[in-house]
């Protein structure tokens, strides 16, 4: 028996390892088969395999910005400390290199931050993921998510 469009969809329980693995591989957090992105910055609105809705309310993916920022800041800070104080790299060389890294890396890591955010959200908030999927199915929309930022 299939669920009606108004009933919440049952989301399987994920382990933290599964959630992180699916996030890093840019796969659907539910089935691990569907791809989240169809281009560098363009997400599918739903999973092509299981139909799970990736699209959320406006501002939902703002949290992925925090993941992106934390990883960028952590890596650049660790690199500065190690290169400056362990390997004695002059700061005149180090600062421009790390500033360039801080501009380029968030663009490269953008998809992974979004994917991790979605996967971790499904891990921590199964009810919210179920409800978001139910609302989207009720609306019957197959719109594409426009990704203009992190």
N, C-alpha and C. Protein backbone atom coordinates (compact mmCIF):
# COMPACT_ATOMS: atom_id res chain seq x y z
N UNK A 1 0.85 -1.18 0.00
CA UNK A 1 0.00 0.00 0.00
C UNK A 1 0.88 1.24 0.00
N UNK A 2 0.61 2.17 -0.86
CA UNK A 2 1.42 3.37 -0.95
C UNK A 2 0.86 4.45 -0.06
N UNK A 3 1.74 5.32 0.38
CA UNK A 3 1.33 6.42 1.26
C UNK A 3 0.62 7.48 0.43
N UNK A 4 -0.36 8.11 1.05
CA UNK A 4 -1.03 9.21 0.36
C UNK A 4 -0.10 10.41 0.33
N UNK A 5 -0.37 11.36 -0.56
CA UNK A 5 0.53 12.52 -0.64
C UNK A 5 0.60 13.33 0.64
N UNK A 6 -0.39 13.21 1.54
CA UNK A 6 -0.39 13.99 2.76
C UNK A 6 0.32 13.28 3.92
N UNK A 7 0.61 12.00 3.77
CA UNK A 7 1.28 11.27 4.84
C UNK A 7 2.79 11.47 4.73
N UNK A 8 3.47 11.60 5.89
CA UNK A 8 4.93 11.73 5.84
C UNK A 8 5.57 10.48 5.25
N UNK A 9 6.59 10.69 4.50
CA UNK A 9 7.33 9.59 3.89
C UNK A 9 8.26 8.99 4.93
N UNK A 10 8.36 7.69 4.99
CA UNK A 10 9.26 7.03 5.94
C UNK A 10 10.70 7.16 5.45
N UNK A 11 11.53 7.76 6.27
CA UNK A 11 12.95 7.95 5.96
C UNK A 11 13.73 6.91 6.75
N UNK A 12 14.54 6.09 6.09
CA UNK A 12 15.29 5.07 6.82
C UNK A 12 16.34 5.69 7.76
N UNK A 13 16.60 5.00 8.84
CA UNK A 13 17.60 5.45 9.81
C UNK A 13 18.99 5.30 9.20
N UNK A 14 19.77 6.37 9.24
CA UNK A 14 21.15 6.36 8.75
C UNK A 14 22.11 6.37 9.92
N UNK A 15 23.26 5.77 9.73
CA UNK A 15 24.33 5.94 10.71
C UNK A 15 25.08 7.21 10.33
N UNK A 16 25.84 7.75 11.25
CA UNK A 16 26.62 8.95 10.96
C UNK A 16 27.63 8.67 9.84
N UNK A 17 28.20 7.46 9.84
CA UNK A 17 29.15 7.09 8.79
C UNK A 17 28.49 7.08 7.42
N UNK A 18 27.27 6.54 7.35
CA UNK A 18 26.53 6.54 6.08
C UNK A 18 26.23 7.96 5.62
N UNK A 19 25.79 8.79 6.55
CA UNK A 19 25.44 10.17 6.20
C UNK A 19 26.65 10.93 5.66
N UNK A 20 27.78 10.81 6.33
CA UNK A 20 28.99 11.50 5.89
C UNK A 20 29.50 10.92 4.57
N UNK A 21 29.48 9.60 4.44
CA UNK A 21 29.93 8.96 3.21
C UNK A 21 29.08 9.40 2.02
N UNK A 22 27.76 9.41 2.18
CA UNK A 22 26.88 9.83 1.10
C UNK A 22 27.07 11.30 0.78
N UNK A 23 27.33 12.11 1.81
CA UNK A 23 27.58 13.53 1.59
C UNK A 23 28.86 13.77 0.81
N UNK A 24 29.91 13.07 1.16
CA UNK A 24 31.20 13.24 0.48
C UNK A 24 31.13 12.74 -0.96
N UNK A 25 30.33 11.69 -1.19
CA UNK A 25 30.21 11.14 -2.55
C UNK A 25 29.17 11.87 -3.39
N UNK A 26 28.54 12.91 -2.83
CA UNK A 26 27.54 13.73 -3.53
C UNK A 26 26.36 12.88 -3.99
N UNK A 27 25.91 11.98 -3.13
CA UNK A 27 24.81 11.07 -3.44
C UNK A 27 23.60 11.36 -2.58
N UNK A 28 22.48 10.85 -3.01
CA UNK A 28 21.22 10.99 -2.27
C UNK A 28 21.42 10.46 -0.85
N UNK A 29 21.00 11.21 0.17
CA UNK A 29 21.18 10.74 1.54
C UNK A 29 20.28 9.56 1.90
N UNK A 30 19.27 9.28 1.09
CA UNK A 30 18.34 8.20 1.39
C UNK A 30 18.75 6.90 0.72
N UNK A 31 18.94 6.91 -0.60
CA UNK A 31 19.23 5.67 -1.33
C UNK A 31 20.71 5.50 -1.70
N UNK A 32 21.49 6.55 -1.63
CA UNK A 32 22.92 6.57 -1.96
C UNK A 32 23.20 6.29 -3.44
N UNK A 33 22.17 6.31 -4.29
CA UNK A 33 22.37 6.03 -5.71
C UNK A 33 22.20 7.28 -6.57
N UNK A 34 21.20 8.09 -6.28
CA UNK A 34 20.94 9.28 -7.08
C UNK A 34 22.01 10.35 -6.86
N UNK A 35 22.29 11.10 -7.90
CA UNK A 35 23.27 12.18 -7.82
C UNK A 35 22.57 13.47 -7.41
N UNK A 36 23.22 14.26 -6.55
CA UNK A 36 22.65 15.52 -6.10
C UNK A 36 22.80 16.62 -7.14
N UNK A 37 23.90 16.62 -7.87
CA UNK A 37 24.21 17.73 -8.77
C UNK A 37 24.19 17.30 -10.22
N UNK A 38 23.69 18.18 -11.06
CA UNK A 38 23.71 17.93 -12.49
C UNK A 38 24.72 18.83 -13.19
N UNK A 39 25.28 19.75 -12.49
CA UNK A 39 26.34 20.62 -12.98
C UNK A 39 27.19 21.02 -11.79
N UNK A 40 28.10 21.94 -12.02
CA UNK A 40 28.98 22.33 -10.92
C UNK A 40 28.21 23.00 -9.77
N UNK A 41 27.24 23.86 -10.10
CA UNK A 41 26.48 24.58 -9.08
C UNK A 41 24.98 24.31 -9.14
N UNK A 42 24.53 23.40 -9.96
CA UNK A 42 23.09 23.16 -10.12
C UNK A 42 22.70 21.81 -9.55
N UNK A 43 21.76 21.84 -8.60
CA UNK A 43 21.27 20.62 -7.98
C UNK A 43 20.03 20.12 -8.71
N UNK A 44 19.85 18.82 -8.67
CA UNK A 44 18.57 18.24 -9.07
C UNK A 44 17.55 18.62 -7.99
N UNK A 45 16.29 18.74 -8.35
CA UNK A 45 15.27 19.05 -7.34
C UNK A 45 14.91 17.82 -6.53
N UNK A 46 15.09 16.63 -7.11
CA UNK A 46 14.80 15.39 -6.38
C UNK A 46 15.68 14.28 -6.92
N UNK A 47 15.75 13.18 -6.16
CA UNK A 47 16.58 12.04 -6.53
C UNK A 47 15.99 11.34 -7.75
N UNK A 48 16.84 11.08 -8.72
CA UNK A 48 16.38 10.40 -9.92
C UNK A 48 16.10 8.92 -9.67
N UNK A 49 16.60 8.39 -8.56
CA UNK A 49 16.41 6.98 -8.25
C UNK A 49 15.21 6.74 -7.32
N UNK A 50 15.17 7.40 -6.17
CA UNK A 50 14.13 7.14 -5.18
C UNK A 50 13.08 8.25 -5.08
N UNK A 51 13.33 9.39 -5.72
CA UNK A 51 12.36 10.49 -5.70
C UNK A 51 12.43 11.37 -4.47
N UNK A 52 13.41 11.17 -3.59
CA UNK A 52 13.54 12.01 -2.40
C UNK A 52 13.80 13.46 -2.81
N UNK A 53 13.12 14.38 -2.17
CA UNK A 53 13.20 15.79 -2.53
C UNK A 53 14.43 16.44 -1.91
N UNK A 54 15.30 16.98 -2.75
CA UNK A 54 16.48 17.71 -2.28
C UNK A 54 16.14 19.16 -2.01
N UNK A 55 15.24 19.70 -2.79
CA UNK A 55 14.87 21.11 -2.69
C UNK A 55 14.17 21.36 -1.36
N UNK A 56 14.52 22.43 -0.72
CA UNK A 56 13.92 22.79 0.56
C UNK A 56 13.45 24.25 0.50
N UNK A 57 13.01 24.73 1.63
CA UNK A 57 12.55 26.12 1.74
C UNK A 57 13.71 27.07 1.46
N UNK A 58 13.40 28.30 1.03
CA UNK A 58 14.46 29.28 0.82
C UNK A 58 15.29 29.46 2.10
N UNK A 59 16.59 29.47 1.93
CA UNK A 59 17.51 29.64 3.05
C UNK A 59 17.93 28.34 3.70
N UNK A 60 17.37 27.22 3.28
CA UNK A 60 17.70 25.93 3.90
C UNK A 60 19.20 25.64 3.81
N UNK A 61 19.79 25.88 2.66
CA UNK A 61 21.19 25.53 2.46
C UNK A 61 22.15 26.58 3.02
N UNK A 62 21.65 27.57 3.73
CA UNK A 62 22.53 28.54 4.38
C UNK A 62 23.48 27.84 5.35
N UNK A 63 23.01 26.78 5.97
CA UNK A 63 23.86 26.03 6.89
C UNK A 63 25.08 25.44 6.23
N UNK A 64 24.98 25.14 4.94
CA UNK A 64 26.15 24.59 4.24
C UNK A 64 27.28 25.63 4.18
N UNK A 65 26.91 26.89 4.25
CA UNK A 65 27.91 27.96 4.28
C UNK A 65 28.79 27.82 5.52
N UNK A 66 28.19 27.44 6.63
CA UNK A 66 28.96 27.26 7.86
C UNK A 66 29.94 26.10 7.74
N UNK A 67 29.50 25.03 7.11
CA UNK A 67 30.41 23.90 6.88
C UNK A 67 31.56 24.35 6.00
N UNK A 68 31.25 25.03 4.91
CA UNK A 68 32.27 25.50 3.98
C UNK A 68 33.25 26.44 4.69
N UNK A 69 32.72 27.37 5.46
CA UNK A 69 33.57 28.32 6.19
C UNK A 69 34.46 27.60 7.20
N UNK A 70 33.88 26.67 7.95
CA UNK A 70 34.65 25.97 8.99
C UNK A 70 35.80 25.17 8.39
N UNK A 71 35.54 24.47 7.29
CA UNK A 71 36.60 23.68 6.66
C UNK A 71 37.67 24.59 6.07
N UNK A 72 37.26 25.65 5.40
CA UNK A 72 38.22 26.59 4.81
C UNK A 72 39.07 27.25 5.89
N UNK A 73 38.43 27.75 6.94
CA UNK A 73 39.17 28.41 8.03
C UNK A 73 40.09 27.43 8.75
N UNK A 74 39.60 26.22 8.99
CA UNK A 74 40.42 25.22 9.68
C UNK A 74 41.65 24.83 8.88
N UNK A 75 41.45 24.58 7.60
CA UNK A 75 42.59 24.19 6.76
C UNK A 75 43.59 25.32 6.60
N UNK A 76 43.11 26.54 6.37
CA UNK A 76 44.04 27.65 6.18
C UNK A 76 44.77 28.00 7.47
N UNK A 77 44.09 27.92 8.60
CA UNK A 77 44.75 28.19 9.88
C UNK A 77 45.79 27.13 10.19
N UNK A 78 45.44 25.87 10.01
CA UNK A 78 46.39 24.79 10.26
C UNK A 78 47.60 24.89 9.33
N UNK A 79 47.33 25.20 8.07
CA UNK A 79 48.44 25.34 7.11
C UNK A 79 49.36 26.49 7.50
N UNK A 80 48.76 27.62 7.92
CA UNK A 80 49.59 28.76 8.32
C UNK A 80 50.48 28.40 9.52
N UNK A 81 49.88 27.79 10.53
CA UNK A 81 50.64 27.46 11.74
C UNK A 81 51.77 26.48 11.43
N UNK A 82 51.46 25.44 10.68
CA UNK A 82 52.49 24.43 10.37
C UNK A 82 53.56 25.01 9.47
N UNK A 83 53.15 25.68 8.40
CA UNK A 83 54.14 26.20 7.46
C UNK A 83 54.97 27.34 8.04
N UNK A 84 54.35 28.17 8.83
CA UNK A 84 55.06 29.34 9.38
C UNK A 84 55.97 28.96 10.54
N UNK A 85 55.46 28.14 11.47
CA UNK A 85 56.21 27.89 12.70
C UNK A 85 56.98 26.58 12.71
N UNK A 86 56.61 25.62 11.89
CA UNK A 86 57.36 24.37 11.84
C UNK A 86 58.38 24.42 10.70
N UNK A 87 57.95 24.84 9.52
CA UNK A 87 58.83 24.86 8.36
C UNK A 87 59.44 26.24 8.09
N UNK A 88 59.11 27.23 8.90
CA UNK A 88 59.69 28.58 8.81
C UNK A 88 59.53 29.23 7.43
N UNK A 89 58.39 29.01 6.80
CA UNK A 89 58.10 29.65 5.51
C UNK A 89 57.84 31.13 5.79
N UNK A 90 58.47 32.04 5.04
CA UNK A 90 58.27 33.47 5.27
C UNK A 90 56.82 33.88 5.03
N UNK A 91 56.31 34.74 5.92
CA UNK A 91 54.91 35.13 5.79
C UNK A 91 54.64 35.96 4.53
N UNK A 92 55.67 36.59 3.96
CA UNK A 92 55.51 37.33 2.72
C UNK A 92 55.12 36.41 1.56
N UNK A 93 55.56 35.17 1.62
CA UNK A 93 55.18 34.17 0.62
C UNK A 93 53.89 33.46 1.02
N UNK A 94 53.75 33.19 2.28
CA UNK A 94 52.65 32.38 2.79
C UNK A 94 51.29 33.06 2.70
N UNK A 95 51.22 34.34 3.04
CA UNK A 95 49.93 35.04 3.07
C UNK A 95 49.25 35.11 1.70
N UNK A 96 49.93 35.48 0.63
CA UNK A 96 49.24 35.49 -0.67
C UNK A 96 48.77 34.09 -1.11
N UNK A 97 49.55 33.08 -0.80
CA UNK A 97 49.16 31.71 -1.15
C UNK A 97 47.91 31.30 -0.38
N UNK A 98 47.88 31.56 0.90
CA UNK A 98 46.72 31.19 1.72
C UNK A 98 45.50 32.05 1.40
N UNK A 99 45.70 33.31 1.05
CA UNK A 99 44.57 34.13 0.63
C UNK A 99 43.95 33.61 -0.67
N UNK A 100 44.80 33.17 -1.58
CA UNK A 100 44.30 32.57 -2.82
C UNK A 100 43.52 31.29 -2.51
N UNK A 101 44.06 30.50 -1.61
CA UNK A 101 43.38 29.28 -1.19
C UNK A 101 41.99 29.59 -0.63
N UNK A 102 41.92 30.64 0.18
CA UNK A 102 40.64 31.02 0.82
C UNK A 102 39.61 31.53 -0.19
N UNK A 103 40.04 31.92 -1.37
CA UNK A 103 39.11 32.34 -2.42
C UNK A 103 38.69 31.14 -3.28
N UNK A 104 39.64 30.29 -3.63
CA UNK A 104 39.37 29.20 -4.56
C UNK A 104 38.73 27.99 -3.87
N UNK A 105 39.22 27.61 -2.71
CA UNK A 105 38.73 26.39 -2.05
C UNK A 105 37.23 26.38 -1.78
N UNK A 106 36.63 27.46 -1.28
CA UNK A 106 35.18 27.42 -1.05
C UNK A 106 34.36 27.17 -2.32
N UNK A 107 34.86 27.61 -3.47
CA UNK A 107 34.16 27.33 -4.72
C UNK A 107 34.25 25.86 -5.09
N UNK A 108 35.40 25.26 -4.85
CA UNK A 108 35.59 23.84 -5.13
C UNK A 108 34.80 22.99 -4.14
N UNK A 109 34.76 23.40 -2.90
CA UNK A 109 34.13 22.62 -1.82
C UNK A 109 32.62 22.87 -1.72
N UNK A 110 32.08 23.81 -2.49
CA UNK A 110 30.67 24.19 -2.43
C UNK A 110 29.73 23.00 -2.49
N UNK A 111 29.91 22.13 -3.48
CA UNK A 111 29.01 20.98 -3.66
C UNK A 111 29.10 20.03 -2.48
N UNK A 112 30.29 19.81 -1.97
CA UNK A 112 30.47 18.89 -0.86
C UNK A 112 29.82 19.45 0.42
N UNK A 113 29.94 20.75 0.63
CA UNK A 113 29.33 21.37 1.80
C UNK A 113 27.81 21.23 1.75
N UNK A 114 27.21 21.46 0.59
CA UNK A 114 25.76 21.32 0.44
C UNK A 114 25.34 19.87 0.64
N UNK A 115 26.07 18.97 0.05
CA UNK A 115 25.75 17.56 0.16
C UNK A 115 25.86 17.07 1.61
N UNK A 116 26.92 17.50 2.29
CA UNK A 116 27.08 17.13 3.71
C UNK A 116 25.96 17.72 4.55
N UNK A 117 25.58 18.95 4.28
CA UNK A 117 24.49 19.59 5.02
C UNK A 117 23.19 18.79 4.87
N UNK A 118 22.87 18.42 3.66
CA UNK A 118 21.64 17.66 3.40
C UNK A 118 21.70 16.28 4.06
N UNK A 119 22.82 15.60 3.94
CA UNK A 119 22.96 14.27 4.53
C UNK A 119 22.91 14.32 6.06
N UNK A 120 23.60 15.28 6.64
CA UNK A 120 23.58 15.39 8.10
C UNK A 120 22.20 15.81 8.61
N UNK A 121 21.50 16.63 7.83
CA UNK A 121 20.14 16.99 8.20
C UNK A 121 19.24 15.76 8.22
N UNK A 122 19.38 14.91 7.22
CA UNK A 122 18.58 13.67 7.19
C UNK A 122 18.96 12.74 8.34
N UNK A 123 20.22 12.77 8.76
CA UNK A 123 20.65 11.96 9.90
C UNK A 123 20.05 12.48 11.20
N UNK A 124 20.14 13.78 11.42
CA UNK A 124 19.69 14.35 12.70
C UNK A 124 18.19 14.63 12.76
N UNK A 125 17.57 14.91 11.62
CA UNK A 125 16.16 15.30 11.62
C UNK A 125 15.37 14.49 10.60
N UNK A 126 15.13 13.24 10.89
CA UNK A 126 14.38 12.37 9.97
C UNK A 126 12.96 12.86 9.77
N UNK A 127 12.35 13.39 10.83
CA UNK A 127 10.97 13.88 10.72
C UNK A 127 10.91 15.08 9.78
N UNK A 128 11.83 16.00 9.93
CA UNK A 128 11.85 17.17 9.05
C UNK A 128 12.07 16.79 7.60
N UNK A 129 12.94 15.82 7.36
CA UNK A 129 13.17 15.35 5.98
C UNK A 129 11.91 14.70 5.43
N UNK A 130 11.22 13.95 6.26
CA UNK A 130 9.96 13.32 5.84
C UNK A 130 8.92 14.37 5.50
N UNK A 131 8.78 15.36 6.36
CA UNK A 131 7.78 16.40 6.14
C UNK A 131 8.10 17.23 4.91
N UNK A 132 9.37 17.55 4.70
CA UNK A 132 9.75 18.34 3.53
C UNK A 132 9.44 17.57 2.26
N UNK A 133 9.67 16.29 2.28
CA UNK A 133 9.36 15.46 1.12
C UNK A 133 7.86 15.40 0.88
N UNK A 134 7.07 15.33 1.96
CA UNK A 134 5.61 15.27 1.84
C UNK A 134 5.06 16.56 1.25
N UNK A 135 5.56 17.70 1.72
CA UNK A 135 5.09 18.99 1.22
C UNK A 135 5.38 19.11 -0.27
N UNK A 136 6.57 18.73 -0.71
CA UNK A 136 6.94 18.84 -2.11
C UNK A 136 6.07 17.92 -2.96
N UNK A 137 5.79 16.70 -2.49
CA UNK A 137 4.95 15.78 -3.25
C UNK A 137 3.54 16.32 -3.37
N UNK A 138 3.03 16.97 -2.33
CA UNK A 138 1.69 17.54 -2.38
C UNK A 138 1.61 18.64 -3.41
N UNK A 139 2.67 19.46 -3.49
CA UNK A 139 2.68 20.57 -4.45
C UNK A 139 2.82 20.05 -5.87
N UNK A 140 3.41 18.86 -6.03
CA UNK A 140 3.56 18.28 -7.35
C UNK A 140 4.56 19.01 -8.22
N UNK A 141 5.44 19.78 -7.61
CA UNK A 141 6.38 20.59 -8.38
C UNK A 141 7.65 19.78 -8.66
N UNK A 142 8.21 19.97 -9.82
CA UNK A 142 9.48 19.35 -10.18
C UNK A 142 10.45 20.45 -10.58
N UNK A 143 10.43 21.55 -9.86
CA UNK A 143 11.30 22.67 -10.21
C UNK A 143 12.74 22.37 -9.82
N UNK A 144 13.65 23.07 -10.43
CA UNK A 144 15.06 22.88 -10.16
C UNK A 144 15.53 23.92 -9.16
N UNK A 145 16.41 23.51 -8.27
CA UNK A 145 16.96 24.43 -7.29
C UNK A 145 17.97 25.33 -7.98
N UNK A 146 17.83 26.62 -7.77
CA UNK A 146 18.80 27.57 -8.31
C UNK A 146 19.81 27.85 -7.22
N UNK A 147 21.06 27.56 -7.50
CA UNK A 147 22.12 27.67 -6.48
C UNK A 147 22.97 28.89 -6.78
N UNK A 148 22.67 29.95 -6.07
CA UNK A 148 23.43 31.18 -6.29
C UNK A 148 24.46 31.43 -5.22
N UNK A 149 24.56 30.55 -4.26
CA UNK A 149 25.54 30.76 -3.20
C UNK A 149 25.65 29.55 -2.34
N UNK A 150 26.52 29.65 -1.26
CA UNK A 150 26.87 28.52 -0.46
C UNK A 150 25.89 28.17 0.54
